[in-house]
PDB file of N, CA and C in Angstrom:
ATOM      1  N   MET A   1      74.324 -35.901  10.496  1.00  0.00           N
ATOM      2  CA  MET A   1      74.470 -34.696  10.225  1.00  0.00           C
ATOM      3  C   MET A   1      75.303 -33.857  10.858  1.00  0.00           C
ATOM      4  N   CYS A   2      75.884 -32.636  10.614  1.00  0.00           N
ATOM      5  CA  CYS A   2      76.869 -31.867  11.364  1.00  0.00           C
ATOM      6  C   CYS A   2      76.287 -30.735  11.285  1.00  0.00           C
ATOM      7  N   PHE A   3      75.916 -29.922  12.696  1.00  0.00           N
ATOM      8  CA  PHE A   3      75.570 -28.577  12.899  1.00  0.00           C
ATOM      9  C   PHE A   3      76.705 -27.702  13.145  1.00  0.00           C
ATOM     10  N   ARG A   4      76.693 -26.519  12.691  1.00  0.00           N
ATOM     11  CA  ARG A   4      77.758 -25.626  13.222  1.00  0.00           C
ATOM     12  C   ARG A   4      77.175 -24.203  13.583  1.00  0.00           C
ATOM     13  N   PRO A   5      77.189 -23.698  14.696  1.00  0.00           N
ATOM     14  CA  PRO A   5      76.258 -22.549  15.079  1.00  0.00           C
ATOM     15  C   PRO A   5      77.111 -21.391  14.104  1.00  0.00           C
ATOM     16  N   ALA A   6      76.089 -20.322  13.820  1.00  0.00           N
ATOM     17  CA  ALA A   6      76.769 -19.369  13.189  1.00  0.00           C
ATOM     18  C   ALA A   6      77.979 -18.613  14.157  1.00  0.00           C
ATOM     19  N   ASP A   7      77.807 -18.517  15.213  1.00  0.00           N
ATOM     20  CA  ASP A   7      78.904 -17.575  15.889  1.00  0.00           C
ATOM     21  C   ASP A   7      80.067 -18.623  15.976  1.00  0.00           C
ATOM     22  N   ALA A   8      80.208 -19.576  15.609  1.00  0.00           N
ATOM     23  CA  ALA A   8      81.527 -20.740  15.472  1.00  0.00           C
ATOM     24  C   ALA A   8      82.575 -20.042  14.768  1.00  0.00           C
ATOM     25  N   ASN A   9      82.428 -19.169  13.971  1.00  0.00           N
ATOM     26  CA  ASN A   9      83.324 -18.634  12.890  1.00  0.00           C
ATOM     27  C   ASN A   9      83.828 -17.219  13.487  1.00  0.00           C
ATOM     28  N   MET A  10      84.906 -17.952  14.244  1.00  0.00           N
ATOM     29  CA  MET A  10      85.600 -16.354  15.002  1.00  0.00           C
ATOM     30  C   MET A  10      87.196 -16.543  14.513  1.00  0.00           C
ATOM     31  N   SER A  11      87.559 -15.381  14.439  1.00  0.00           N
ATOM     32  CA  SER A  11      88.685 -15.276  13.677  1.00  0.00           C
ATOM     33  C   SER A  11      89.514 -13.659  14.029  1.00  0.00           C
ATOM     34  N   VAL A  12      90.629 -13.640  14.382  1.00  0.00           N
ATOM     35  CA  VAL A  12      91.451 -12.580  14.336  1.00  0.00           C
ATOM     36  C   VAL A  12      92.237 -11.965  13.220  1.00  0.00           C
ATOM     37  N   THR A  13      92.620 -10.588  13.055  1.00  0.00           N
ATOM     38  CA  THR A  13      93.748 -10.247  12.189  1.00  0.00           C
ATOM     39  C   THR A  13      95.152  -9.946  12.606  1.00  0.00           C
ATOM     40  N   CYS A  14      95.980 -10.445  12.090  1.00  0.00           N
ATOM     41  CA  CYS A  14      97.544 -10.516  12.536  1.00  0.00           C
ATOM     42  C   CYS A  14      97.761  -8.930  11.722  1.00  0.00           C
ATOM     43  N   PRO A  15      98.177  -7.996  13.101  1.00  0.00           N
ATOM     44  CA  PRO A  15      98.636  -6.655  12.536  1.00  0.00           C
ATOM     45  C   PRO A  15     100.016  -6.722  11.592  1.00  0.00           C
ATOM     46  N   SER A  16     100.916  -7.992  12.199  1.00  0.00           N
ATOM     47  CA  SER A  16     102.313  -7.688  11.412  1.00  0.00           C
ATOM     48  C   SER A  16     102.093  -8.462   9.950  1.00  0.00           C
ATOM     49  N   CYS A  17     101.163  -9.657   9.598  1.00  0.00           N
ATOM     50  CA  CYS A  17     100.981 -10.041   8.461  1.00  0.00           C
ATOM     51  C   CYS A  17      99.869  -9.878   7.809  1.00  0.00           C
ATOM     52  N   GLY A  18      98.814  -9.585   8.303  1.00  0.00           N
ATOM     53  CA  GLY A  18      97.563  -9.276   7.793  1.00  0.00           C
ATOM     54  C   GLY A  18      96.473 -10.507   7.318  1.00  0.00           C
ATOM     55  N   LYS A  19      96.773 -11.855   8.091  1.00  0.00           N
ATOM     56  CA  LYS A  19      96.280 -12.819   7.747  1.00  0.00           C
ATOM     57  C   LYS A  19      95.525 -13.297   8.763  1.00  0.00           C
ATOM     58  N   GLU A  20      94.357 -13.737   8.616  1.00  0.00           N
ATOM     59  CA  GLU A  20      93.569 -14.167   9.578  1.00  0.00           C
ATOM     60  C   GLU A  20      93.855 -15.272  10.350  1.00  0.00           C
ATOM     61  N   ILE A  21      93.535 -15.388  12.018  1.00  0.00           N
ATOM     62  CA  ILE A  21      93.824 -16.358  12.701  1.00  0.00           C
ATOM     63  C   ILE A  21      92.463 -16.811  13.080  1.00  0.00           C
ATOM     64  N   ASN A  22      92.236 -17.998  13.089  1.00  0.00           N
ATOM     65  CA  ASN A  22      91.125 -18.941  13.596  1.00  0.00           C
ATOM     66  C   ASN A  22      90.930 -19.082  15.132  1.00  0.00           C
ATOM     67  N   ALA A  23      90.194 -18.671  15.692  1.00  0.00           N
ATOM     68  CA  ALA A  23      89.982 -19.197  17.095  1.00  0.00           C
ATOM     69  C   ALA A  23      89.649 -20.931  17.008  1.00  0.00           C
ATOM     70  N   VAL A  24      90.237 -21.339  17.973  1.00  0.00           N
ATOM     71  CA  VAL A  24      90.044 -22.796  18.198  1.00  0.00           C
ATOM     72  C   VAL A  24      89.230 -23.033  19.363  1.00  0.00           C
ATOM     73  N   LEU A  25      87.811 -23.471  19.238  1.00  0.00           N
ATOM     74  CA  LEU A  25      87.267 -23.755  20.551  1.00  0.00           C
ATOM     75  C   LEU A  25      87.017 -22.292  21.386  1.00  0.00           C
ATOM     76  N   GLY A  26      87.203 -21.234  20.807  1.00  0.00           N
ATOM     77  CA  GLY A  26      86.781 -19.827  21.270  1.00  0.00           C
ATOM     78  C   GLY A  26      88.090 -19.417  21.965  1.00  0.00           C
ATOM     79  N   ILE A  27      89.437 -19.952  21.581  1.00  0.00           N
ATOM     80  CA  ILE A  27      90.828 -19.526  22.195  1.00  0.00           C
ATOM     81  C   ILE A  27      91.580 -19.064  21.008  1.00  0.00           C
ATOM     82  N   VAL A  28      92.342 -17.899  21.342  1.00  0.00           N
ATOM     83  CA  VAL A  28      93.277 -17.693  20.242  1.00  0.00           C
ATOM     84  C   VAL A  28      94.514 -17.822  20.652  1.00  0.00           C
ATOM     85  N   PRO A  29      95.218 -18.340  19.412  1.00  0.00           N
ATOM     86  CA  PRO A  29      96.593 -18.942  19.771  1.00  0.00           C
ATOM     87  C   PRO A  29      97.535 -17.760  20.373  1.00  0.00           C
ATOM     88  N   LYS A  30      98.483 -17.964  21.186  1.00  0.00           N
ATOM     89  CA  LYS A  30      99.251 -17.065  21.720  1.00  0.00           C
ATOM     90  C   LYS A  30     100.410 -16.384  20.933  1.00  0.00           C
ATOM     91  N   GLU A  31     100.566 -16.908  19.739  1.00  0.00           N
ATOM     92  CA  GLU A  31     101.290 -16.122  18.447  1.00  0.00           C
ATOM     93  C   GLU A  31     100.669 -16.708  17.144  1.00  0.00           C
ATOM     94  N   CYS A  32     101.162 -15.756  16.131  1.00  0.00           N
ATOM     95  CA  CYS A  32     100.743 -15.732  14.993  1.00  0.00           C
ATOM     96  C   CYS A  32     101.530 -17.434  14.235  1.00  0.00           C
ATOM     97  N   PRO A  33     100.887 -18.315  13.663  1.00  0.00           N
ATOM     98  CA  PRO A  33     101.210 -19.205  13.250  1.00  0.00           C
ATOM     99  C   PRO A  33     102.100 -19.076  11.873  1.00  0.00           C
ATOM    100  N   PHE A  34     101.934 -17.597  11.277  1.00  0.00           N
ATOM    101  CA  PHE A  34     102.408 -17.562  10.155  1.00  0.00           C
ATOM    102  C   PHE A  34     103.645 -16.411  10.160  1.00  0.00           C
ATOM    103  N   CYS A  35     103.768 -15.579  11.303  1.00  0.00           N
ATOM    104  CA  CYS A  35     104.967 -14.733  11.164  1.00  0.00           C
ATOM    105  C   CYS A  35     105.282 -14.617  12.669  1.00  0.00           C
ATOM    106  N   GLY A  36     104.805 -15.426  13.630  1.00  0.00           N
ATOM    107  CA  GLY A  36     105.401 -15.234  14.838  1.00  0.00           C
ATOM    108  C   GLY A  36     104.865 -14.384  15.771  1.00  0.00           C
ATOM    109  N   ALA A  37     103.886 -13.397  15.540  1.00  0.00           N
ATOM    110  CA  ALA A  37     103.676 -12.003  16.372  1.00  0.00           C
ATOM    111  C   ALA A  37     102.810 -12.393  17.979  1.00  0.00           C
ATOM    112  N   THR A  38     103.243 -11.652  18.739  1.00  0.00           N
ATOM    113  CA  THR A  38     102.384 -11.985  19.805  1.00  0.00           C
ATOM    114  C   THR A  38     101.154 -11.681  19.791  1.00  0.00           C
ATOM    115  N   SER A  39     100.149 -12.469  20.792  1.00  0.00           N
ATOM    116  CA  SER A  39      98.785 -12.221  20.772  1.00  0.00           C
ATOM    117  C   SER A  39      98.434 -11.116  21.297  1.00  0.00           C
ATOM    118  N   GLU A  40      99.374 -10.143  22.122  1.00  0.00           N
ATOM    119  CA  GLU A  40      98.726  -8.794  22.524  1.00  0.00           C
ATOM    120  C   GLU A  40      98.613  -7.848  21.147  1.00  0.00           C
ATOM    121  N   ASP A  41      99.309  -8.169  20.209  1.00  0.00           N
ATOM    122  CA  ASP A  41      98.867  -7.287  19.163  1.00  0.00           C
ATOM    123  C   ASP A  41      97.888  -7.626  18.519  1.00  0.00           C
ATOM    124  N   PHE A  42      97.446  -8.814  18.500  1.00  0.00           N
ATOM    125  CA  PHE A  42      95.895  -9.058  17.448  1.00  0.00           C
ATOM    126  C   PHE A  42      95.263  -8.127  17.939  1.00  0.00           C
ATOM    127  N   GLU A  43      94.385  -7.963  16.606  1.00  0.00           N
ATOM    128  CA  GLU A  43      93.041  -6.890  16.808  1.00  0.00           C
ATOM    129  C   GLU A  43      91.863  -7.592  17.009  1.00  0.00           C
ATOM    130  N   GLY A  44      90.929  -7.381  18.012  1.00  0.00           N
ATOM    131  CA  GLY A  44      89.782  -8.080  18.495  1.00  0.00           C
ATOM    132  C   GLY A  44      90.227  -9.329  19.011  1.00  0.00           C
ATOM    133  N   SER A  45      91.245  -9.648  19.506  1.00  0.00           N
ATOM    134  CA  SER A  45      91.782 -11.079  20.451  1.00  0.00           C
ATOM    135  C   SER A  45      90.745 -10.410  21.715  1.00  0.00           C
ATOM    136  N   SER A  46      90.501  -9.526  22.451  1.00  0.00           N
ATOM    137  CA  SER A  46      89.911  -9.514  23.607  1.00  0.00           C
ATOM    138  C   SER A  46      88.320  -9.733  23.278  1.00  0.00           C
ATOM    139  N   ASP A  47      87.664  -9.628  22.189  1.00  0.00           N
ATOM    140  CA  ASP A  47      86.209  -9.573  21.925  1.00  0.00           C
ATOM    141  C   ASP A  47      85.740 -11.109  21.564  1.00  0.00           C
ATOM    142  N   ILE A  48      86.826 -12.033  21.480  1.00  0.00           N
ATOM    143  CA  ILE A  48      86.216 -13.158  20.993  1.00  0.00           C
ATOM    144  C   ILE A  48      85.860 -14.039  22.463  1.00  0.00           C
ATOM    145  N   LYS A  49      84.650 -14.682  22.372  1.00  0.00           N
ATOM    146  CA  LYS A  49      84.093 -15.522  23.394  1.00  0.00           C
ATOM    147  C   LYS A  49      83.785 -16.607  22.828  1.00  0.00           C
ATOM    148  N   PRO A  50      83.825 -17.998  23.886  1.00  0.00           N
ATOM    149  CA  PRO A  50      83.618 -19.259  23.079  1.00  0.00           C
ATOM    150  C   PRO A  50      82.302 -19.156  23.090  1.00  0.00           C
ATOM    151  N   PRO A  51      81.641 -19.910  21.975  1.00  0.00           N
ATOM    152  CA  PRO A  51      80.306 -20.075  22.037  1.00  0.00           C
ATOM    153  C   PRO A  51      79.538 -20.894  23.206  1.00  0.00           C
ATOM    154  N   SER A  52      78.372 -20.214  23.539  1.00  0.00           N
ATOM    155  CA  SER A  52      77.490 -20.565  24.588  1.00  0.00           C
ATOM    156  C   SER A  52      76.721 -21.811  23.899  1.00  0.00           C
ATOM    157  N   ALA A  53      76.220 -22.776  25.130  1.00  0.00           N
ATOM    158  CA  ALA A  53      75.124 -23.680  24.620  1.00  0.00           C
ATOM    159  C   ALA A  53      73.846 -23.222  24.370  1.00  0.00           C
ATOM    160  N   PRO A  54      73.148 -23.979  23.548  1.00  0.00           N
ATOM    161  CA  PRO A  54      71.751 -23.384  23.365  1.00  0.00           C
ATOM    162  C   PRO A  54      70.955 -23.475  24.783  1.00  0.00           C
ATOM    163  N   ALA A  55      69.663 -22.590  24.636  1.00  0.00           N
ATOM    164  CA  ALA A  55      68.827 -22.664  25.997  1.00  0.00           C
ATOM    165  C   ALA A  55      68.334 -24.071  26.197  1.00  0.00           C
ATOM    166  N   ALA A  56      67.881 -24.385  27.389  1.00  0.00           N
ATOM    167  CA  ALA A  56      67.193 -25.618  27.421  1.00  0.00           C
ATOM    168  C   ALA A  56      65.865 -25.368  27.043  1.00  0.00           C
ATOM    169  N   PRO A  57      65.272 -26.298  26.479  1.00  0.00           N
ATOM    170  CA  PRO A  57      63.576 -25.877  26.089  1.00  0.00           C
ATOM    171  C   PRO A  57      62.409 -26.029  27.156  1.00  0.00           C
ATOM    172  N   GLY A  58      61.742 -25.785  27.057  1.00  0.00           N
ATOM    173  CA  GLY A  58      60.561 -25.175  28.386  1.00  0.00           C
ATOM    174  C   GLY A  58      60.010 -26.480  29.000  1.00  0.00           C
ATOM    175  N   ALA A  59      59.403 -26.411  29.662  1.00  0.00           N
ATOM    176  CA  ALA A  59      58.679 -27.487  30.348  1.00  0.00           C
ATOM    177  C   ALA A  59      57.440 -27.862  29.594  1.00  0.00           C
ATOM    178  N   PRO A  60      57.407 -29.043  29.233  1.00  0.00           N
ATOM    179  CA  PRO A  60      55.802 -29.357  28.401  1.00  0.00           C
ATOM    180  C   PRO A  60      54.715 -28.493  29.245  1.00  0.00           C
ATOM    181  N   LYS A  61      53.471 -28.522  28.604  1.00  0.00           N
ATOM    182  CA  LYS A  61      52.185 -28.116  29.278  1.00  0.00           C
ATOM    183  C   LYS A  61      51.276 -29.235  29.621  1.00  0.00           C
ATOM    184  N   ALA A  62      50.416 -28.873  30.950  1.00  0.00           N
ATOM    185  CA  ALA A  62      49.524 -30.074  31.229  1.00  0.00           C
ATOM    186  C   ALA A  62      48.620 -30.350  30.223  1.00  0.00           C
ATOM    187  N   PRO A  63      48.303 -31.613  30.169  1.00  0.00           N
ATOM    188  CA  PRO A  63      47.167 -31.685  29.226  1.00  0.00           C
ATOM    189  C   PRO A  63      45.928 -31.597  29.559  1.00  0.00           C
ATOM    190  N   GLY A  64      44.871 -31.014  28.861  1.00  0.00           N
ATOM    191  CA  GLY A  64      43.432 -30.797  28.989  1.00  0.00           C
ATOM    192  C   GLY A  64      42.622 -31.575  29.772  1.00  0.00           C
ATOM    193  N   ALA A  65      41.466 -30.822  30.334  1.00  0.00           N
ATOM    194  CA  ALA A  65      40.422 -32.194  30.696  1.00  0.00           C
ATOM    195  C   ALA A  65      39.940 -32.917  29.497  1.00  0.00           C
ATOM    196  N   PRO A  66      39.601 -34.011  29.946  1.00  0.00           N
ATOM    197  CA  PRO A  66      38.875 -34.759  28.731  1.00  0.00           C
ATOM    198  C   PRO A  66      37.632 -34.176  28.676  1.00  0.00           C
ATOM    199  N   GLN A  67      37.248 -34.408  27.157  1.00  0.00           N
ATOM    200  CA  GLN A  67      35.860 -33.845  26.863  1.00  0.00           C
ATOM    201  C   GLN A  67      34.735 -34.968  27.094  1.00  0.00           C
ATOM    202  N   PRO A  68      33.607 -34.459  27.679  1.00  0.00           N
ATOM    203  CA  PRO A  68      32.431 -35.380  27.506  1.00  0.00           C
ATOM    204  C   PRO A  68      31.988 -36.112  26.376  1.00  0.00           C
ATOM    205  N   PRO A  69      31.671 -37.113  25.803  1.00  0.00           N
ATOM    206  CA  PRO A  69      31.301 -37.891  24.794  1.00  0.00           C
ATOM    207  C   PRO A  69      30.128 -37.257  24.101  1.00  0.00           C
ATOM    208  N   ALA A  70      29.863 -36.808  22.849  1.00  0.00           N
ATOM    209  CA  ALA A  70      29.124 -36.174  22.063  1.00  0.00           C
ATOM    210  C   ALA A  70      27.751 -37.214  22.435  1.00  0.00           C
ATOM    211  N   ALA A  71      26.898 -36.537  22.164  1.00  0.00           N
ATOM    212  CA  ALA A  71      25.004 -37.211  21.790  1.00  0.00           C
ATOM    213  C   ALA A  71      25.244 -38.211  20.724  1.00  0.00           C
ATOM    214  N   PRO A  72      24.449 -38.996  20.745  1.00  0.00           N
ATOM    215  CA  PRO A  72      24.545 -39.703  19.262  1.00  0.00           C
ATOM    216  C   PRO A  72      23.590 -38.922  18.385  1.00  0.00           C
ATOM    217  N   GLY A  73      24.335 -38.949  16.878  1.00  0.00           N
ATOM    218  CA  GLY A  73      23.586 -38.381  16.042  1.00  0.00           C
ATOM    219  C   GLY A  73      24.213 -37.024  15.907  1.00  0.00           C
ATOM    220  N   ARG A  74      24.845 -36.385  16.823  1.00  0.00           N
ATOM    221  CA  ARG A  74      25.292 -34.971  16.920  1.00  0.00           C
ATOM    222  C   ARG A  74      26.842 -34.800  16.757  1.00  0.00           C
ATOM    223  N   SER A  75      27.174 -33.846  16.105  1.00  0.00           N
ATOM    224  CA  SER A  75      28.669 -33.619  15.657  1.00  0.00           C
ATOM    225  C   SER A  75      29.164 -32.742  16.766  1.00  0.00           C
TER     226      SER A  75
END
């Protein structure tokens, strides 16, 4: 099964042609593949950051002390 994080959908809008340009691995192309505008003209290109790795899980807790056996006939 493939898992895609929610923040993986990153794109910028080209001001020249108005089309959305998707960032690949958090990197926006240097020019628009549709009209050739340079990346300095893209809106929001400085806001894009590559997705970060998930946090590491916490350490497991120590097991509790064993309980003494119950007396026969008692629950």
